[in-house]
Protein backbone atom coordinates (compact mmCIF):
# COMPACT_ATOMS: atom_id res chain seq x y z
CA MET A 1 132.12 53.24 15.79
CA LYS A 2 135.29 55.22 13.93
CA LEU A 3 135.84 58.76 13.92
CA SER A 4 136.08 59.74 10.89
CA THR A 5 138.96 61.69 9.67
CA GLU A 6 137.52 64.88 10.52
CA GLN A 7 136.33 64.18 14.03
CA ILE A 8 140.14 62.64 14.96
CA GLU A 9 141.50 66.11 13.43
CA TYR A 10 139.05 67.97 15.47
CA VAL A 11 140.13 66.04 18.24
CA GLU A 12 143.59 66.61 17.65
CA ASN A 13 143.11 70.53 17.35
CA TYR A 14 141.22 70.51 20.40
CA ILE A 15 144.13 68.75 22.18
CA ILE A 16 146.49 71.24 21.33
CA SER A 17 143.92 73.97 22.39
CA LYS A 18 144.79 72.85 25.92
CA ASP A 19 148.77 74.40 25.32
CA ILE A 20 150.23 70.89 24.52
CA LYS A 21 152.75 72.02 22.24
CA TRP A 22 155.10 69.02 22.20
CA TYR A 23 154.37 66.64 19.23
CA GLU A 24 154.81 63.25 20.82
CA LEU A 25 152.11 63.99 23.07
CA GLN A 26 149.70 65.27 20.60
CA VAL A 27 150.05 62.13 19.14
CA GLU A 28 149.78 59.54 21.89
CA LEU A 29 146.86 62.02 23.74
CA THR A 30 145.02 61.91 20.65
CA ASP A 31 145.46 58.21 19.82
CA HIS A 32 144.57 57.47 23.53
CA MET A 33 140.98 59.79 23.31
CA VAL A 34 140.10 58.72 19.82
CA THR A 35 140.35 54.74 20.99
CA SER A 36 138.50 55.91 24.48
CA MET A 37 135.53 57.81 22.44
CA GLU A 38 135.29 55.09 19.89
CA GLY A 39 135.02 52.46 22.65
CA PHE A 40 132.28 54.40 24.73
CA TRP A 41 130.36 55.44 21.63
CA GLU A 42 130.41 51.96 20.26
CA LYS A 43 128.58 51.07 24.06
CA ASN A 44 126.02 54.14 23.78
CA PRO A 45 125.81 55.16 19.96
CA GLU A 46 122.89 57.10 20.51
CA LEU A 47 125.26 59.92 21.97
CA ALA A 48 126.41 63.17 20.29
CA PHE A 49 129.78 63.37 18.89
CA HIS A 50 130.78 66.11 21.50
CA GLN A 51 129.13 64.00 24.18
CA VAL A 52 131.46 61.27 23.69
CA LYS A 53 134.45 63.62 23.68
CA GLN A 54 133.14 64.86 27.38
CA TYR A 55 132.98 61.66 28.49
CA ALA A 56 135.96 60.16 27.27
CA GLU A 57 137.97 63.48 28.36
CA ASN A 58 136.60 63.01 31.92
CA ILE A 59 137.68 59.34 31.90
CA PHE A 60 140.80 59.68 30.52
CA VAL A 61 141.77 63.36 32.44
CA GLY A 62 139.50 62.55 34.97
CA ASP A 63 140.23 65.43 37.92
CA SER A 64 143.76 66.68 37.01
CA SER A 65 144.13 68.60 32.88
CA PHE A 66 146.13 67.87 30.42
CA LYS A 67 148.88 70.05 31.36
CA SER A 68 149.06 67.96 34.54
CA ILE A 69 149.72 65.19 32.20
CA GLU A 70 152.37 66.97 30.31
CA LYS A 71 154.28 67.83 33.29
CA GLN A 72 153.79 64.00 34.58
CA ARG A 73 155.71 63.10 31.65
CA LYS A 74 158.57 65.42 31.85
CA ARG A 75 159.13 64.18 35.44
CA ILE A 76 159.13 60.83 34.37
CA LEU A 77 161.28 61.64 30.86
CA GLN A 78 163.78 63.34 33.46
CA LYS A 79 163.91 60.65 36.18
CA GLU A 80 164.30 57.99 33.25
CA TYR A 81 167.52 60.63 31.39
CA ARG A 82 169.36 60.81 34.36
CA LYS A 83 169.07 56.78 35.10
CA VAL A 84 170.28 56.37 31.68
CA GLN A 85 173.32 59.26 32.11
CA TRP A 86 174.18 57.84 35.01
CA LYS A 87 174.45 54.34 34.10
CA MET A 88 177.02 55.60 30.99
CA ILE A 89 178.78 57.46 33.37
CA THR A 90 179.79 54.79 35.83
CA GLU A 91 180.75 52.46 32.76
CA TYR A 92 183.62 55.06 32.47
CA LEU A 93 184.35 54.25 36.07
CA LYS A 94 184.38 50.26 35.82
CA PHE A 95 187.02 48.36 34.27
CA PRO A 96 188.74 49.07 31.67
CA LYS A 97 187.22 52.44 31.05
CA ILE A 98 187.98 53.43 34.12
CA PHE A 99 192.08 53.28 32.86
CA GLY A 100 191.42 56.04 30.73
CA SER A 101 189.82 58.15 33.42
CA ILE A 102 192.50 58.08 35.73
CA LEU A 103 194.72 58.74 32.88
CA LEU A 104 193.09 61.91 32.33
CA VAL A 105 192.90 62.67 35.88
CA TYR A 106 197.15 62.24 35.36
CA LEU A 107 197.27 64.11 32.08
CA ALA A 108 195.68 67.20 34.12
CA TYR A 109 197.28 67.06 37.18
CA THR A 110 200.98 66.99 35.63
CA PHE A 111 200.00 69.94 33.60
CA SER A 112 199.24 71.65 36.49
CA ALA A 113 203.15 71.83 37.14
CA TYR A 114 203.67 73.93 34.44
CA PHE A 115 201.78 76.97 36.43
CA VAL A 116 202.97 78.41 39.27
CA SER A 117 199.46 79.73 40.73
CA PRO A 118 196.81 76.73 41.26
CA GLN A 119 194.26 79.03 41.03
CA LYS A 120 195.35 80.22 37.49
CA TYR A 121 195.95 76.75 36.37
CA LEU A 122 192.25 75.79 37.44
CA ALA A 123 190.64 78.77 35.86
CA VAL A 124 192.74 77.76 32.35
CA LEU A 125 191.16 73.87 33.25
CA PHE A 126 187.71 74.65 33.79
CA CYS A 127 187.00 78.08 31.05
CA PRO A 128 187.39 75.42 27.82
CA LEU A 129 185.05 73.16 29.70
CA ALA A 130 182.31 76.07 29.66
CA ILE A 131 183.05 76.86 26.24
CA VAL A 132 182.29 73.20 25.36
CA GLY A 133 178.81 73.76 27.30
CA LEU A 134 177.93 76.74 25.41
CA LEU A 135 178.67 74.52 22.10
CA TYR A 136 176.49 71.73 23.45
CA VAL A 137 173.90 74.14 24.58
CA HIS A 138 173.86 76.06 21.32
CA TYR A 139 173.40 72.41 19.14
CA TRP A 140 170.63 71.26 21.68
CA ARG A 141 168.37 74.85 20.70
CA LYS A 142 169.11 74.06 16.74
CA SER A 143 168.32 70.29 17.38
CA LYS A 144 165.15 70.56 19.49
CA GLU A 145 162.97 71.38 16.63
CA ILE A 146 162.46 68.70 14.08
CA GLU A 147 160.72 69.66 10.64
CA GLY A 148 158.86 72.51 12.77
CA LYS A 149 157.35 69.98 15.45
CA TYR A 150 158.55 70.51 19.34
CA PHE A 151 159.42 67.04 21.01
CA LEU A 152 159.04 67.01 25.37
CA THR A 153 161.62 64.05 24.83
CA LEU A 154 164.11 66.72 23.38
CA GLU A 155 163.12 69.15 25.48
CA THR A 156 163.96 67.19 28.40
CA LEU A 157 167.96 67.09 27.56
CA ASN A 158 168.08 70.45 28.14
CA PRO A 159 171.80 70.52 29.44
CA THR A 160 171.83 74.42 30.37
CA LEU A 161 172.04 73.52 34.15
CA LEU A 162 174.24 70.70 33.54
CA VAL A 163 176.83 72.30 31.46
CA PHE A 164 177.32 75.46 33.33
CA SER A 165 177.48 73.87 36.77
CA PHE A 166 180.87 71.77 36.85
CA PRO A 167 182.88 74.95 35.56
CA SER A 168 180.80 77.05 37.71
CA LEU A 169 181.29 75.25 40.97
CA GLY A 170 184.85 75.07 39.88
CA MET A 171 185.73 78.29 39.62
CA SER A 172 183.92 79.50 42.57
CA ILE A 173 185.14 76.99 44.86
CA THR A 174 188.80 77.58 43.75
CA THR A 175 188.35 81.29 44.42
CA GLN A 176 187.28 81.03 48.15
CA LEU A 177 190.30 78.32 48.54
CA LYS A 178 193.39 80.80 47.36
CA GLU A 179 195.50 79.97 49.96
CA GLU A 180 194.34 76.19 50.75
CA LEU A 181 195.43 75.40 47.31
CA LEU A 182 198.72 76.62 47.83
CA GLN A 183 199.41 74.46 51.09
CA HIS A 184 197.42 71.81 49.97
CA GLN A 185 198.56 70.01 46.78
CA TRP A 186 195.80 66.95 46.70
CA LEU A 187 193.14 69.80 46.23
CA VAL A 188 194.32 70.47 43.20
CA LEU A 189 194.08 66.89 42.37
CA PHE A 190 190.18 66.90 43.93
CA PHE A 191 189.50 69.65 41.24
CA CYS A 192 191.16 67.63 38.06
CA CYS A 193 188.99 64.65 39.18
CA ILE A 194 185.94 66.95 39.29
CA TRP A 195 186.64 68.32 35.68
CA VAL A 196 186.88 64.52 34.58
CA LEU A 197 183.71 63.95 35.88
CA GLY A 198 182.43 67.25 34.24
CA ILE A 199 183.65 65.91 30.83
CA LEU A 200 182.25 62.62 31.52
CA PHE A 201 179.06 64.30 32.05
CA SER A 202 179.25 66.15 28.45
CA ILE A 203 180.57 63.13 26.40
CA THR A 204 177.48 61.25 27.95
CA ALA A 205 174.69 64.07 27.44
CA ILE A 206 175.97 64.83 23.72
CA HIS A 207 175.59 61.00 23.00
CA LEU A 208 172.04 60.56 24.94
CA GLN A 209 170.97 63.54 22.92
CA LYS A 210 172.27 62.33 19.21
CA LYS A 211 170.81 58.52 19.87
CA THR A 212 167.44 60.24 21.26
CA ILE A 213 167.19 62.98 18.15
CA GLU A 214 167.46 59.31 15.61
CA ASN A 215 165.19 57.91 17.49
CA VAL A 216 162.50 60.07 17.62
CA LYS A 217 163.06 61.03 13.60
CA LYS A 218 162.88 57.20 13.11
CA GLN A 219 159.76 56.89 15.42
CA TYR A 220 157.86 59.60 13.86
CA GLN A 221 159.34 59.24 9.92
CA LEU A 222 160.95 62.42 9.95
CA THR A 223 164.42 63.49 8.15
């Protein structure tokens, strides 16, 4: 028993009506439901379409809901994203790329000699990181929709928390440690390391976003 085009469209619209706005989930859930319905209908051809749909939904969804499946998928994607990003960052902390990271820390620390106040220097150091973060968030908001379709995979890449965590952390701590920064020069070096780590997070996040967008377009044949 094969579902007709109209019946498949009905199943798809039914899933969308459950507040599933992410295109890849709409496609995947529809495919699972249709496959389950066709298998169940083949064994019970006397049942009506809506009965088969309900049976298939009970088996596929169970005691949960389509929204709970969406939440579970989002958690899985976030976990995979963090794992991939940390793997990319650790590559910059290994030989030979670690030399580039060390050089960046050294240049940042050397530049601090041109400032009388370490606090002002760190403000100058972290502010551009926040500006880059704003540009990145703007790019993410523009690119998370492709041809009018929204993707949970791209929504998971939301960089808002990431791009502002390092600048806010740096600025807040330097404000609290104003006297300590004058007394202990190693604190300036420490914040230079934090700054470089923030750059690595930003670089890897941008790379992952571009790569993910390319994969999504290729998988769903979008331009």
